[in-house]
N, C-alpha and C. Protein backbone atom coordinates (compact mmCIF):
# COMPACT_ATOMS: atom_id res chain seq x y z
N MET A 1 18.26 -5.56 60.46
CA MET A 1 17.24 -5.73 59.30
C MET A 1 15.93 -5.99 59.58
N LYS A 2 15.87 -6.87 60.65
CA LYS A 2 14.44 -7.29 61.01
C LYS A 2 13.82 -6.09 61.71
N HIS A 3 14.37 -5.17 62.21
CA HIS A 3 13.89 -3.91 62.81
C HIS A 3 13.41 -3.07 61.66
N ARG A 4 14.17 -2.90 60.75
CA ARG A 4 13.75 -2.03 59.71
C ARG A 4 12.45 -2.65 58.87
N LEU A 5 12.37 -3.89 58.72
CA LEU A 5 11.32 -4.56 58.04
C LEU A 5 10.07 -4.39 58.96
N ALA A 6 10.12 -4.54 60.07
CA ALA A 6 9.03 -4.41 61.13
C ALA A 6 8.64 -2.92 61.06
N PHE A 7 9.64 -2.04 61.10
CA PHE A 7 9.11 -0.53 61.09
C PHE A 7 8.43 -0.23 59.78
N VAL A 8 8.83 -0.61 58.51
CA VAL A 8 8.10 -0.53 57.33
C VAL A 8 6.78 -0.97 57.29
N LEU A 9 6.72 -2.29 57.84
CA LEU A 9 5.49 -2.92 57.69
C LEU A 9 4.39 -2.20 58.64
N THR A 10 4.87 -1.76 59.82
CA THR A 10 4.02 -1.17 60.78
C THR A 10 3.52 0.33 60.14
N SER A 11 4.55 0.91 59.50
CA SER A 11 4.12 2.13 58.92
C SER A 11 3.20 2.05 57.91
N PHE A 12 3.40 1.09 57.04
CA PHE A 12 2.53 0.78 55.86
C PHE A 12 1.19 0.42 56.43
N LEU A 13 1.02 -0.33 57.44
CA LEU A 13 -0.39 -0.77 57.93
C LEU A 13 -1.04 0.62 58.46
N ALA A 14 -0.05 1.48 59.18
CA ALA A 14 -0.75 2.65 59.84
C ALA A 14 -1.38 3.44 58.79
N VAL A 15 -0.68 3.64 57.66
CA VAL A 15 -1.16 4.57 56.39
C VAL A 15 -2.41 3.97 55.98
N LEU A 16 -2.32 2.69 55.77
CA LEU A 16 -3.60 1.95 55.22
C LEU A 16 -4.80 2.08 56.11
N THR A 17 -4.70 2.06 57.33
CA THR A 17 -5.85 1.93 58.20
C THR A 17 -6.12 3.28 58.72
N ALA A 18 -5.46 4.25 58.70
CA ALA A 18 -5.81 5.46 59.32
C ALA A 18 -7.03 6.14 58.56
N PRO A 19 -7.12 6.10 57.21
CA PRO A 19 -8.55 6.70 56.84
C PRO A 19 -9.82 5.85 57.23
N VAL A 20 -9.61 4.38 57.43
CA VAL A 20 -10.56 3.81 57.86
C VAL A 20 -11.17 3.97 59.17
N LEU A 21 -10.24 4.11 60.12
CA LEU A 21 -10.31 4.46 61.57
C LEU A 21 -10.89 5.93 61.60
N ALA A 22 -10.44 6.93 60.68
CA ALA A 22 -10.85 8.21 60.68
C ALA A 22 -12.57 8.21 60.30
N ALA A 23 -12.77 7.45 59.45
CA ALA A 23 -14.17 7.26 59.03
C ALA A 23 -15.06 6.72 60.00
N GLU A 24 -14.53 5.60 60.80
CA GLU A 24 -15.53 5.15 61.78
C GLU A 24 -15.54 6.14 62.87
N ASP A 25 -14.57 6.96 63.35
CA ASP A 25 -14.71 7.94 64.26
C ASP A 25 -15.46 9.25 63.95
N THR A 26 -16.00 9.49 62.79
CA THR A 26 -16.43 10.51 62.39
C THR A 26 -17.67 11.06 63.25
N PRO A 27 -17.46 12.11 64.05
CA PRO A 27 -18.37 12.51 65.10
C PRO A 27 -19.74 12.87 64.31
N SER A 28 -20.79 12.83 65.05
CA SER A 28 -21.97 13.22 64.38
C SER A 28 -22.14 14.84 64.36
N ASP A 29 -21.36 15.43 65.02
CA ASP A 29 -21.19 17.01 65.24
C ASP A 29 -20.82 17.46 63.73
N ALA A 30 -19.68 16.70 63.14
CA ALA A 30 -19.47 17.12 61.78
C ALA A 30 -20.38 17.04 60.75
N LEU A 31 -21.31 16.12 61.00
CA LEU A 31 -22.40 15.65 60.32
C LEU A 31 -23.40 16.82 60.17
N ILE A 32 -23.66 17.33 61.41
CA ILE A 32 -24.90 18.23 61.52
C ILE A 32 -24.46 19.66 61.61
N GLN A 33 -25.11 20.53 60.81
CA GLN A 33 -24.70 21.86 60.55
C GLN A 33 -26.01 22.84 60.91
N PRO A 34 -25.69 24.08 61.51
CA PRO A 34 -26.94 24.96 61.61
C PRO A 34 -27.14 25.68 60.31
N ALA A 35 -28.43 25.90 59.86
CA ALA A 35 -28.92 26.48 58.59
C ALA A 35 -28.25 27.74 58.60
N SER A 36 -28.12 28.64 59.60
CA SER A 36 -27.66 29.95 59.49
C SER A 36 -26.28 30.08 58.95
N GLU A 37 -25.40 28.91 59.12
CA GLU A 37 -24.15 29.08 58.61
C GLU A 37 -23.94 28.33 57.25
N VAL A 38 -24.95 27.75 56.45
CA VAL A 38 -24.87 27.20 55.30
C VAL A 38 -25.82 27.74 54.14
N ASP A 39 -25.50 27.54 52.99
CA ASP A 39 -26.35 27.82 51.83
C ASP A 39 -26.35 26.64 50.95
N LEU A 40 -27.77 26.29 50.77
CA LEU A 40 -27.82 24.68 50.06
C LEU A 40 -27.08 24.63 48.74
N GLU A 41 -26.71 25.75 48.10
CA GLU A 41 -25.90 25.73 46.64
C GLU A 41 -24.62 25.16 47.12
N GLU A 42 -24.00 25.36 48.28
CA GLU A 42 -22.70 24.78 48.45
C GLU A 42 -22.75 23.31 48.61
N PHE A 43 -23.77 22.64 48.67
CA PHE A 43 -23.89 21.26 48.68
C PHE A 43 -24.17 20.54 47.31
N LEU A 44 -24.43 21.36 46.14
CA LEU A 44 -24.77 20.81 45.12
C LEU A 44 -23.77 20.01 44.37
N TRP A 45 -24.40 18.82 44.05
CA TRP A 45 -23.43 17.75 43.44
C TRP A 45 -22.28 17.21 44.44
N LEU A 46 -22.28 17.57 45.71
CA LEU A 46 -21.42 16.96 46.85
C LEU A 46 -21.93 16.29 47.62
N ASN A 47 -23.07 16.81 48.16
CA ASN A 47 -23.78 16.21 49.48
C ASN A 47 -25.26 15.96 49.25
N ARG A 48 -25.97 15.27 49.99
CA ARG A 48 -27.40 15.14 50.15
C ARG A 48 -27.78 15.80 51.35
N PRO A 49 -28.48 17.03 51.34
CA PRO A 49 -28.73 17.84 52.60
C PRO A 49 -30.19 17.21 53.21
N LEU A 50 -30.05 16.74 54.41
CA LEU A 50 -31.21 16.58 55.01
C LEU A 50 -31.47 17.42 56.16
N VAL A 51 -32.64 18.09 55.75
CA VAL A 51 -33.04 19.51 56.55
C VAL A 51 -33.98 19.18 57.42
N VAL A 52 -33.68 19.46 58.81
CA VAL A 52 -34.65 19.29 59.93
C VAL A 52 -34.98 20.70 60.51
N LEU A 53 -36.33 21.21 60.34
CA LEU A 53 -36.65 22.38 60.84
C LEU A 53 -37.91 22.32 61.76
N ALA A 54 -37.76 23.25 62.80
CA ALA A 54 -38.87 23.11 63.72
C ALA A 54 -38.92 24.65 64.30
N ASP A 55 -39.95 24.89 65.11
CA ASP A 55 -40.10 26.30 65.56
C ASP A 55 -39.24 26.36 66.98
N THR A 56 -38.79 25.47 67.38
CA THR A 56 -37.88 25.42 68.68
C THR A 56 -37.29 24.24 68.80
N ASP A 57 -35.96 24.19 69.49
CA ASP A 57 -35.25 23.00 69.74
C ASP A 57 -35.76 22.18 70.72
N ARG A 58 -36.96 22.50 71.33
CA ARG A 58 -37.60 21.68 72.31
C ARG A 58 -38.87 20.86 71.81
N ASP A 59 -39.10 21.21 70.47
CA ASP A 59 -40.20 20.38 69.84
C ASP A 59 -39.80 18.89 70.13
N PRO A 60 -40.96 18.09 70.50
CA PRO A 60 -40.64 16.66 70.67
C PRO A 60 -40.16 16.02 69.34
N ARG A 61 -40.83 16.42 68.23
CA ARG A 61 -40.34 15.76 66.86
C ARG A 61 -39.06 16.08 66.60
N PHE A 62 -38.55 17.37 66.76
CA PHE A 62 -37.11 17.68 66.49
C PHE A 62 -36.23 16.77 67.38
N VAL A 63 -36.55 16.72 68.55
CA VAL A 63 -35.70 16.15 69.55
C VAL A 63 -35.76 14.61 69.17
N GLU A 64 -36.81 14.00 68.74
CA GLU A 64 -36.90 12.49 68.33
C GLU A 64 -35.94 12.31 67.14
N GLN A 65 -36.22 13.22 66.08
CA GLN A 65 -35.61 13.19 64.75
C GLN A 65 -34.10 13.21 64.96
N MET A 66 -33.56 14.31 66.00
CA MET A 66 -32.30 14.42 66.08
C MET A 66 -31.43 13.24 66.82
N ALA A 67 -32.36 12.59 67.66
CA ALA A 67 -31.87 11.28 68.39
C ALA A 67 -31.66 10.14 67.60
N LEU A 68 -32.85 10.12 66.48
CA LEU A 68 -32.73 9.05 65.39
C LEU A 68 -31.45 9.32 64.57
N ILE A 69 -31.21 10.39 64.23
CA ILE A 69 -30.05 10.75 63.34
C ILE A 69 -28.48 10.48 64.01
N GLU A 70 -28.50 10.87 65.28
CA GLU A 70 -27.22 10.49 65.94
C GLU A 70 -27.07 9.05 66.29
N LYS A 71 -28.20 8.52 66.46
CA LYS A 71 -28.02 6.79 66.70
C LYS A 71 -27.36 6.12 65.70
N ARG A 72 -27.95 6.65 64.17
CA ARG A 72 -27.14 5.91 63.12
C ARG A 72 -26.62 6.93 62.18
N ALA A 73 -25.77 7.64 62.68
CA ALA A 73 -25.15 8.82 61.71
C ALA A 73 -24.12 8.08 60.76
N SER A 74 -23.55 6.89 61.05
CA SER A 74 -22.73 6.35 60.07
C SER A 74 -23.43 6.10 58.76
N GLU A 75 -24.50 5.74 58.89
CA GLU A 75 -25.33 5.33 57.60
C GLU A 75 -25.46 6.68 56.66
N LEU A 76 -25.74 7.67 57.27
CA LEU A 76 -25.71 8.79 56.60
C LEU A 76 -24.65 9.52 55.93
N VAL A 77 -23.55 9.27 56.71
CA VAL A 77 -22.19 9.73 56.22
C VAL A 77 -21.76 8.86 55.08
N GLU A 78 -22.20 7.53 55.24
CA GLU A 78 -21.90 6.72 53.90
C GLU A 78 -22.76 7.18 52.68
N ARG A 79 -23.82 7.88 52.90
CA ARG A 79 -24.56 8.32 51.79
C ARG A 79 -24.36 9.76 51.23
N ASP A 80 -23.24 10.35 51.93
CA ASP A 80 -23.02 11.65 51.69
C ASP A 80 -24.02 12.66 52.13
N VAL A 81 -24.76 12.34 53.27
CA VAL A 81 -25.62 13.22 53.79
C VAL A 81 -25.16 14.27 54.62
N VAL A 82 -25.45 15.45 54.64
CA VAL A 82 -25.32 16.56 55.66
C VAL A 82 -26.67 16.92 56.26
N VAL A 83 -26.60 17.09 57.62
CA VAL A 83 -27.93 17.32 58.24
C VAL A 83 -27.70 18.82 58.52
N ILE A 84 -28.87 19.45 58.09
CA ILE A 84 -28.82 20.98 58.25
C ILE A 84 -30.05 21.33 59.38
N THR A 85 -29.80 21.91 60.20
CA THR A 85 -30.91 22.15 61.33
C THR A 85 -31.39 23.72 61.30
N ASP A 86 -32.39 24.08 61.73
CA ASP A 86 -32.96 25.34 61.87
C ASP A 86 -34.20 25.24 62.99
N THR A 87 -34.04 25.90 64.14
CA THR A 87 -34.93 25.77 65.01
C THR A 87 -35.44 27.27 65.44
N ASP A 88 -35.02 28.27 64.69
CA ASP A 88 -35.21 29.67 65.09
C ASP A 88 -36.18 30.29 63.73
N PRO A 89 -37.52 30.28 63.87
CA PRO A 89 -38.28 30.94 62.83
C PRO A 89 -38.19 32.37 62.82
N ALA A 90 -37.73 32.82 63.96
CA ALA A 90 -37.51 34.58 63.83
C ALA A 90 -36.49 35.00 63.10
N ASN A 91 -35.29 34.09 63.09
CA ASN A 91 -34.09 34.37 62.26
C ASN A 91 -34.18 33.68 60.90
N VAL A 92 -34.91 34.17 59.86
CA VAL A 92 -35.24 33.56 58.56
C VAL A 92 -33.80 33.38 57.93
N SER A 93 -33.52 31.89 57.77
CA SER A 93 -32.26 31.43 57.06
C SER A 93 -32.83 31.47 55.64
N SER A 94 -31.84 31.25 54.82
CA SER A 94 -31.87 30.93 53.41
C SER A 94 -32.68 29.39 53.31
N VAL A 95 -32.21 28.76 53.99
CA VAL A 95 -32.98 27.32 53.91
C VAL A 95 -34.24 27.34 54.36
N ARG A 96 -34.59 27.98 55.35
CA ARG A 96 -36.03 28.14 55.77
C ARG A 96 -36.91 28.98 54.80
N LYS A 97 -36.21 29.97 54.23
CA LYS A 97 -36.89 30.74 53.15
C LYS A 97 -37.34 29.80 51.92
N GLN A 98 -36.42 28.90 51.53
CA GLN A 98 -36.60 28.04 50.33
C GLN A 98 -37.62 26.95 50.54
N LEU A 99 -37.63 26.38 51.94
CA LEU A 99 -38.53 25.26 52.12
C LEU A 99 -39.84 25.63 52.76
N ARG A 100 -40.02 26.80 53.47
CA ARG A 100 -41.12 27.36 53.85
C ARG A 100 -41.96 26.35 54.90
N PRO A 101 -41.38 25.92 55.94
CA PRO A 101 -42.03 24.93 56.72
C PRO A 101 -43.13 25.42 57.52
N ARG A 102 -43.94 24.67 57.97
CA ARG A 102 -45.09 25.03 59.04
C ARG A 102 -44.75 24.23 60.37
N GLY A 103 -44.23 24.67 61.18
CA GLY A 103 -43.85 23.82 62.24
C GLY A 103 -42.63 22.97 62.07
N PHE A 104 -42.79 21.71 62.39
CA PHE A 104 -41.58 20.69 62.15
C PHE A 104 -41.67 20.20 60.78
N MET A 105 -40.50 20.04 60.04
CA MET A 105 -40.42 19.47 58.78
C MET A 105 -39.10 18.83 58.66
N LEU A 106 -39.08 17.79 57.90
CA LEU A 106 -37.88 16.88 57.53
C LEU A 106 -37.81 16.94 56.28
N ALA A 107 -36.81 17.32 55.36
CA ALA A 107 -36.68 17.45 53.90
C ALA A 107 -35.40 16.70 53.44
N LEU A 108 -35.62 15.96 52.27
CA LEU A 108 -34.20 15.56 51.86
C LEU A 108 -34.12 16.16 50.59
N ILE A 109 -32.79 16.48 50.36
CA ILE A 109 -32.44 17.37 49.06
C ILE A 109 -31.45 16.47 48.37
N GLY A 110 -31.56 16.03 47.10
CA GLY A 110 -30.60 15.31 46.55
C GLY A 110 -29.47 16.04 46.06
N LYS A 111 -28.32 15.46 45.69
CA LYS A 111 -27.14 16.04 45.10
C LYS A 111 -27.47 16.96 44.11
N ASP A 112 -28.52 16.67 43.32
CA ASP A 112 -28.90 17.63 42.21
C ASP A 112 -29.62 18.75 42.60
N GLY A 113 -30.08 18.96 43.82
CA GLY A 113 -30.60 19.96 44.26
C GLY A 113 -32.18 20.00 44.28
N ILE A 114 -32.66 18.76 43.84
CA ILE A 114 -34.16 18.54 44.00
C ILE A 114 -34.52 17.97 45.26
N THR A 115 -35.76 18.60 45.83
CA THR A 115 -36.16 18.15 47.07
C THR A 115 -37.00 16.90 46.76
N TYR A 116 -36.59 15.70 47.43
CA TYR A 116 -37.18 14.52 47.10
C TYR A 116 -38.19 14.12 48.04
N PHE A 117 -38.16 14.48 49.26
CA PHE A 117 -39.37 14.49 50.19
C PHE A 117 -39.54 15.61 51.34
N ARG A 118 -40.55 15.65 51.70
CA ARG A 118 -40.81 16.51 52.89
C ARG A 118 -41.86 15.70 53.90
N LYS A 119 -41.43 15.57 55.18
CA LYS A 119 -42.24 14.91 56.24
C LYS A 119 -42.51 15.87 57.22
N PRO A 120 -43.90 15.81 57.67
CA PRO A 120 -44.32 16.45 58.90
C PRO A 120 -43.94 15.68 60.27
N PHE A 121 -43.27 14.69 60.21
CA PHE A 121 -43.08 13.81 61.32
C PHE A 121 -41.66 13.19 61.39
N PRO A 122 -41.08 12.77 62.42
CA PRO A 122 -39.84 12.14 62.30
C PRO A 122 -39.77 10.94 61.53
N TRP A 123 -38.69 10.62 60.94
CA TRP A 123 -38.39 9.49 60.09
C TRP A 123 -37.16 8.69 60.77
N ASP A 124 -37.14 7.53 60.74
CA ASP A 124 -36.11 6.71 61.05
C ASP A 124 -34.94 6.66 59.87
N VAL A 125 -33.86 6.60 60.38
CA VAL A 125 -32.55 6.85 59.47
C VAL A 125 -32.81 5.53 58.48
N ARG A 126 -33.27 4.25 58.88
CA ARG A 126 -33.42 3.18 57.88
C ARG A 126 -34.21 3.67 56.80
N GLU A 127 -35.26 4.25 56.91
CA GLU A 127 -36.33 4.71 55.88
C GLU A 127 -35.58 5.71 55.28
N ILE A 128 -34.85 6.70 55.79
CA ILE A 128 -34.19 7.81 54.81
C ILE A 128 -33.29 7.13 54.12
N SER A 129 -32.39 6.19 54.63
CA SER A 129 -31.48 5.45 53.87
C SER A 129 -32.00 4.81 52.63
N ALA A 130 -33.33 4.04 52.86
CA ALA A 130 -33.88 3.35 51.79
C ALA A 130 -34.23 4.30 50.87
N SER A 131 -34.68 5.37 51.04
CA SER A 131 -35.22 6.44 50.09
C SER A 131 -33.88 6.88 49.21
N ILE A 132 -33.03 7.18 49.95
CA ILE A 132 -31.75 7.53 49.33
C ILE A 132 -31.18 6.52 48.33
N ASP A 133 -31.16 5.22 48.63
CA ASP A 133 -30.61 4.07 47.89
C ASP A 133 -31.67 3.93 46.81
N LYS A 134 -32.82 4.40 46.66
CA LYS A 134 -33.70 4.40 45.45
C LYS A 134 -33.30 5.43 44.16
N MET A 135 -32.72 6.53 44.81
CA MET A 135 -32.40 7.64 43.94
C MET A 135 -31.36 7.18 42.81
N PRO A 136 -31.70 7.61 41.50
CA PRO A 136 -30.84 7.26 40.32
C PRO A 136 -29.29 7.53 40.69
N MET A 137 -28.87 8.75 41.24
CA MET A 137 -27.65 9.04 41.44
C MET A 137 -27.00 8.17 42.41
N ARG A 138 -27.62 7.69 43.49
CA ARG A 138 -27.24 6.78 44.22
C ARG A 138 -26.94 5.55 43.91
N GLN A 139 -27.85 4.99 43.01
CA GLN A 139 -27.66 3.64 42.40
C GLN A 139 -26.37 3.88 41.42
N GLN A 140 -26.10 4.88 40.89
CA GLN A 140 -25.01 4.92 39.95
C GLN A 140 -23.85 4.90 40.90
N GLU A 141 -23.77 5.59 42.03
CA GLU A 141 -22.66 5.68 42.85
C GLU A 141 -22.43 4.08 43.44
N ILE A 142 -23.38 3.34 43.74
CA ILE A 142 -23.26 1.99 44.20
C ILE A 142 -22.70 1.20 43.14
N ARG A 143 -23.16 1.38 41.83
CA ARG A 143 -22.56 0.62 40.72
C ARG A 143 -21.06 1.00 40.30
N ASP A 144 -20.85 2.30 40.60
CA ASP A 144 -19.31 2.57 40.38
C ASP A 144 -18.46 1.98 41.48
N ARG A 145 -18.95 1.96 42.59
CA ARG A 145 -18.14 1.43 43.71
C ARG A 145 -17.86 -0.13 43.55
N ARG A 146 -18.81 -0.88 43.06
CA ARG A 146 -18.69 -2.30 42.64
C ARG A 146 -17.72 -2.45 41.60
N ASN A 147 -17.46 -1.62 40.85
CA ASN A 147 -16.72 -1.72 39.57
C ASN A 147 -15.20 -1.35 39.62
């Protein structure tokens, strides 16, 4: 009987902790997607696309921005952010067509499809998160989680 109880409790704890562990182990690779493989419409009402555009993947601003994103990826995952990258201006993606960057650009698009900011320089994830947290839809999400 004791063995069954131990088995049941262990199984129960495993089921409860699996989603938490999976969320903590979310690789930044799943967070980052190339613009050539996505359409911004597919994220409407589901995710907040954070678009990082540059003329080459060796652009120092692009390299810095991606390092900042990878360093604090969990904060972006918590806010339903998907990072979309495009470093090939010769192969014009739908994302590049829509945003029309000149060199490096960082753009945040809300779940409602509205572009909330465009920056010509890298931004820390803390600043990006603060901007997201001020959005009305994010404020509603926070209120819903509290209730």
